[in-house]
Amino acid sequence: MDGAPSNAPLGFPELWESLARARMDIAELKGMVKMHFADGAHHTPPCATASGLQKTLHAAMGAAIISLLSAVGTLVFEIVKGMH
Protein backbone atom coordinates (compact mmCIF):
# COMPACT_ATOMS: atom_id res chain seq x y z
CA MET A 1 0.00 0.00 0.00
CA ASP A 2 1.05 3.62 0.16
CA GLY A 3 1.95 3.60 3.84
CA ALA A 4 -1.52 4.55 5.09
CA PRO A 5 -2.65 2.77 8.25
CA SER A 6 -4.94 -0.19 7.65
CA ASN A 7 -7.76 1.41 9.64
CA ALA A 8 -7.67 4.65 7.62
CA PRO A 9 -10.95 5.51 5.89
CA LEU A 10 -11.23 4.47 2.28
CA GLY A 11 -10.80 7.10 -0.39
CA PHE A 12 -13.15 7.37 -3.33
CA PRO A 13 -11.09 5.15 -5.70
CA GLU A 14 -10.85 2.37 -3.12
CA LEU A 15 -14.52 2.74 -2.21
CA TRP A 16 -15.66 2.47 -5.83
CA GLU A 17 -13.32 -0.47 -6.41
CA SER A 18 -14.76 -2.28 -3.38
CA LEU A 19 -18.30 -1.48 -4.50
CA ALA A 20 -17.62 -2.76 -8.03
CA ARG A 21 -16.06 -5.95 -6.65
CA ALA A 22 -19.07 -6.52 -4.35
CA ARG A 23 -21.49 -5.98 -7.25
CA MET A 24 -19.57 -8.49 -9.38
CA ASP A 25 -19.60 -11.05 -6.55
CA ILE A 26 -23.36 -10.59 -6.08
CA ALA A 27 -23.98 -10.86 -9.83
CA GLU A 28 -21.86 -14.02 -10.00
CA LEU A 29 -23.71 -15.59 -7.08
CA LYS A 30 -27.08 -14.61 -8.57
CA GLY A 31 -26.10 -16.17 -11.90
CA MET A 32 -24.90 -19.37 -10.25
CA VAL A 33 -28.08 -19.71 -8.19
CA LYS A 34 -30.28 -18.98 -11.22
CA MET A 35 -28.39 -21.52 -13.34
CA HIS A 36 -28.48 -24.10 -10.56
CA PHE A 37 -32.23 -23.91 -10.00
CA ALA A 38 -33.40 -23.01 -13.52
CA ASP A 39 -32.51 -26.30 -15.21
CA GLY A 40 -35.09 -28.21 -13.18
CA ALA A 41 -32.70 -31.06 -12.41
CA HIS A 42 -31.99 -31.99 -8.83
CA HIS A 43 -28.24 -31.98 -8.33
CA THR A 44 -26.96 -34.71 -6.04
CA PRO A 45 -24.76 -33.81 -4.29
CA PRO A 46 -25.37 -30.08 -4.68
CA CYS A 47 -22.45 -27.94 -5.74
CA ALA A 48 -20.48 -26.36 -2.90
CA THR A 49 -21.80 -22.86 -3.56
CA ALA A 50 -25.44 -23.96 -3.57
CA SER A 51 -24.87 -26.08 -0.49
CA GLY A 52 -23.26 -23.16 1.36
CA LEU A 53 -26.05 -20.83 0.30
CA GLN A 54 -28.64 -23.36 1.44
CA LYS A 55 -26.98 -23.66 4.87
CA THR A 56 -26.84 -19.88 5.20
CA LEU A 57 -30.50 -19.52 4.26
CA HIS A 58 -31.50 -22.24 6.72
CA ALA A 59 -29.55 -20.54 9.52
CA ALA A 60 -31.11 -17.17 8.66
CA MET A 61 -34.58 -18.70 8.56
CA GLY A 62 -34.03 -20.36 11.93
CA ALA A 63 -32.88 -17.07 13.45
CA ALA A 64 -35.90 -15.28 11.97
CA ILE A 65 -38.30 -17.87 13.37
CA ILE A 66 -36.71 -17.68 16.83
CA SER A 67 -36.93 -13.88 16.71
CA LEU A 68 -40.58 -14.03 15.65
CA LEU A 69 -41.41 -16.46 18.46
CA SER A 70 -39.66 -14.18 20.93
CA ALA A 71 -41.65 -11.18 19.70
CA VAL A 72 -44.95 -13.09 19.93
CA GLY A 73 -44.04 -14.32 23.43
CA THR A 74 -43.22 -10.78 24.54
CA LEU A 75 -46.50 -9.50 23.09
CA VAL A 76 -48.51 -12.20 24.87
CA PHE A 77 -46.64 -11.50 28.11
CA GLU A 78 -47.40 -7.77 27.87
CA ILE A 79 -51.09 -8.44 27.13
CA VAL A 80 -51.42 -10.82 30.09
CA LYS A 81 -49.52 -8.40 32.35
CA GLY A 82 -51.84 -5.57 31.26
CA MET A 83 -54.96 -7.59 32.15
CA HIS A 84 -53.95 -7.93 35.80
C-alpha atoms as a PDB file:
ATOM      1  CA  MET A   1       0.000   0.000   0.000  1.00  0.00           C
ATOM      2  CA  ASP A   2       1.049   3.618   0.156  1.00  0.00           C
ATOM      3  CA  GLY A   3       1.954   3.596   3.844  1.00  0.00           C
ATOM      4  CA  ALA A   4      -1.518   4.550   5.089  1.00  0.00           C
ATOM      5  CA  PRO A   5      -2.652   2.774   8.246  1.00  0.00           C
ATOM      6  CA  SER A   6      -4.940  -0.192   7.650  1.00  0.00           C
ATOM      7  CA  ASN A   7      -7.762   1.409   9.636  1.00  0.00           C
ATOM      8  CA  ALA A   8      -7.673   4.652   7.624  1.00  0.00           C
ATOM      9  CA  PRO A   9     -10.951   5.511   5.887  1.00  0.00           C
ATOM     10  CA  LEU A  10     -11.229   4.466   2.282  1.00  0.00           C
ATOM     11  CA  GLY A  11     -10.803   7.095  -0.391  1.00  0.00           C
ATOM     12  CA  PHE A  12     -13.151   7.366  -3.334  1.00  0.00           C
ATOM     13  CA  PRO A  13     -11.093   5.147  -5.696  1.00  0.00           C
ATOM     14  CA  GLU A  14     -10.852   2.365  -3.119  1.00  0.00           C
ATOM     15  CA  LEU A  15     -14.518   2.743  -2.206  1.00  0.00           C
ATOM     16  CA  TRP A  16     -15.655   2.470  -5.828  1.00  0.00           C
ATOM     17  CA  GLU A  17     -13.320  -0.475  -6.406  1.00  0.00           C
ATOM     18  CA  SER A  18     -14.763  -2.278  -3.375  1.00  0.00           C
ATOM     19  CA  LEU A  19     -18.297  -1.484  -4.504  1.00  0.00           C
ATOM     20  CA  ALA A  20     -17.617  -2.763  -8.030  1.00  0.00           C
ATOM     21  CA  ARG A  21     -16.057  -5.951  -6.646  1.00  0.00           C
ATOM     22  CA  ALA A  22     -19.071  -6.519  -4.353  1.00  0.00           C
ATOM     23  CA  ARG A  23     -21.487  -5.975  -7.252  1.00  0.00           C
ATOM     24  CA  MET A  24     -19.567  -8.487  -9.379  1.00  0.00           C
ATOM     25  CA  ASP A  25     -19.599 -11.049  -6.546  1.00  0.00           C
ATOM     26  CA  ILE A  26     -23.355 -10.588  -6.080  1.00  0.00           C
ATOM     27  CA  ALA A  27     -23.983 -10.863  -9.830  1.00  0.00           C
ATOM     28  CA  GLU A  28     -21.860 -14.019  -9.999  1.00  0.00           C
ATOM     29  CA  LEU A  29     -23.705 -15.594  -7.079  1.00  0.00           C
ATOM     30  CA  LYS A  30     -27.076 -14.607  -8.572  1.00  0.00           C
ATOM     31  CA  GLY A  31     -26.103 -16.173 -11.898  1.00  0.00           C
ATOM     32  CA  MET A  32     -24.902 -19.373 -10.250  1.00  0.00           C
ATOM     33  CA  VAL A  33     -28.076 -19.710  -8.187  1.00  0.00           C
ATOM     34  CA  LYS A  34     -30.276 -18.979 -11.216  1.00  0.00           C
ATOM     35  CA  MET A  35     -28.390 -21.523 -13.337  1.00  0.00           C
ATOM     36  CA  HIS A  36     -28.479 -24.104 -10.562  1.00  0.00           C
ATOM     37  CA  PHE A  37     -32.228 -23.913  -9.996  1.00  0.00           C
ATOM     38  CA  ALA A  38     -33.398 -23.014 -13.524  1.00  0.00           C
ATOM     39  CA  ASP A  39     -32.505 -26.296 -15.208  1.00  0.00           C
ATOM     40  CA  GLY A  40     -35.090 -28.209 -13.176  1.00  0.00           C
ATOM     41  CA  ALA A  41     -32.697 -31.061 -12.414  1.00  0.00           C
ATOM     42  CA  HIS A  42     -31.994 -31.986  -8.834  1.00  0.00           C
ATOM     43  CA  HIS A  43     -28.240 -31.976  -8.329  1.00  0.00           C
ATOM     44  CA  THR A  44     -26.957 -34.710  -6.037  1.00  0.00           C
ATOM     45  CA  PRO A  45     -24.759 -33.805  -4.289  1.00  0.00           C
ATOM     46  CA  PRO A  46     -25.372 -30.082  -4.677  1.00  0.00           C
ATOM     47  CA  CYS A  47     -22.445 -27.937  -5.740  1.00  0.00           C
ATOM     48  CA  ALA A  48     -20.475 -26.358  -2.899  1.00  0.00           C
ATOM     49  CA  THR A  49     -21.803 -22.856  -3.560  1.00  0.00           C
ATOM     50  CA  ALA A  50     -25.442 -23.959  -3.572  1.00  0.00           C
ATOM     51  CA  SER A  51     -24.873 -26.080  -0.486  1.00  0.00           C
ATOM     52  CA  GLY A  52     -23.257 -23.157   1.361  1.00  0.00           C
ATOM     53  CA  LEU A  53     -26.054 -20.829   0.301  1.00  0.00           C
ATOM     54  CA  GLN A  54     -28.640 -23.356   1.443  1.00  0.00           C
ATOM     55  CA  LYS A  55     -26.983 -23.665   4.874  1.00  0.00           C
ATOM     56  CA  THR A  56     -26.837 -19.877   5.195  1.00  0.00           C
ATOM     57  CA  LEU A  57     -30.504 -19.518   4.258  1.00  0.00           C
ATOM     58  CA  HIS A  58     -31.505 -22.240   6.722  1.00  0.00           C
ATOM     59  CA  ALA A  59     -29.553 -20.541   9.515  1.00  0.00           C
ATOM     60  CA  ALA A  60     -31.110 -17.167   8.664  1.00  0.00           C
ATOM     61  CA  MET A  61     -34.582 -18.702   8.559  1.00  0.00           C
ATOM     62  CA  GLY A  62     -34.027 -20.359  11.935  1.00  0.00           C
ATOM     63  CA  ALA A  63     -32.879 -17.073  13.454  1.00  0.00           C
ATOM     64  CA  ALA A  64     -35.895 -15.276  11.972  1.00  0.00           C
ATOM     65  CA  ILE A  65     -38.299 -17.873  13.372  1.00  0.00           C
ATOM     66  CA  ILE A  66     -36.714 -17.676  16.834  1.00  0.00           C
ATOM     67  CA  SER A  67     -36.931 -13.884  16.710  1.00  0.00           C
ATOM     68  CA  LEU A  68     -40.579 -14.032  15.650  1.00  0.00           C
ATOM     69  CA  LEU A  69     -41.414 -16.463  18.463  1.00  0.00           C
ATOM     70  CA  SER A  70     -39.662 -14.184  20.928  1.00  0.00           C
ATOM     71  CA  ALA A  71     -41.650 -11.182  19.702  1.00  0.00           C
ATOM     72  CA  VAL A  72     -44.946 -13.086  19.933  1.00  0.00           C
ATOM     73  CA  GLY A  73     -44.041 -14.316  23.426  1.00  0.00           C
ATOM     74  CA  THR A  74     -43.220 -10.784  24.545  1.00  0.00           C
ATOM     75  CA  LEU A  75     -46.499  -9.498  23.093  1.00  0.00           C
ATOM     76  CA  VAL A  76     -48.515 -12.199  24.872  1.00  0.00           C
ATOM     77  CA  PHE A  77     -46.645 -11.499  28.115  1.00  0.00           C
ATOM     78  CA  GLU A  78     -47.403  -7.773  27.875  1.00  0.00           C
ATOM     79  CA  ILE A  79     -51.094  -8.436  27.134  1.00  0.00           C
ATOM     80  CA  VAL A  80     -51.418 -10.821  30.087  1.00  0.00           C
ATOM     81  CA  LYS A  81     -49.525  -8.403  32.349  1.00  0.00           C
ATOM     82  CA  GLY A  82     -51.838  -5.574  31.260  1.00  0.00           C
ATOM     83  CA  MET A  83     -54.956  -7.586  32.146  1.00  0.00           C
ATOM     84  CA  HIS A  84     -53.945  -7.928  35.804  1.00  0.00           C
END
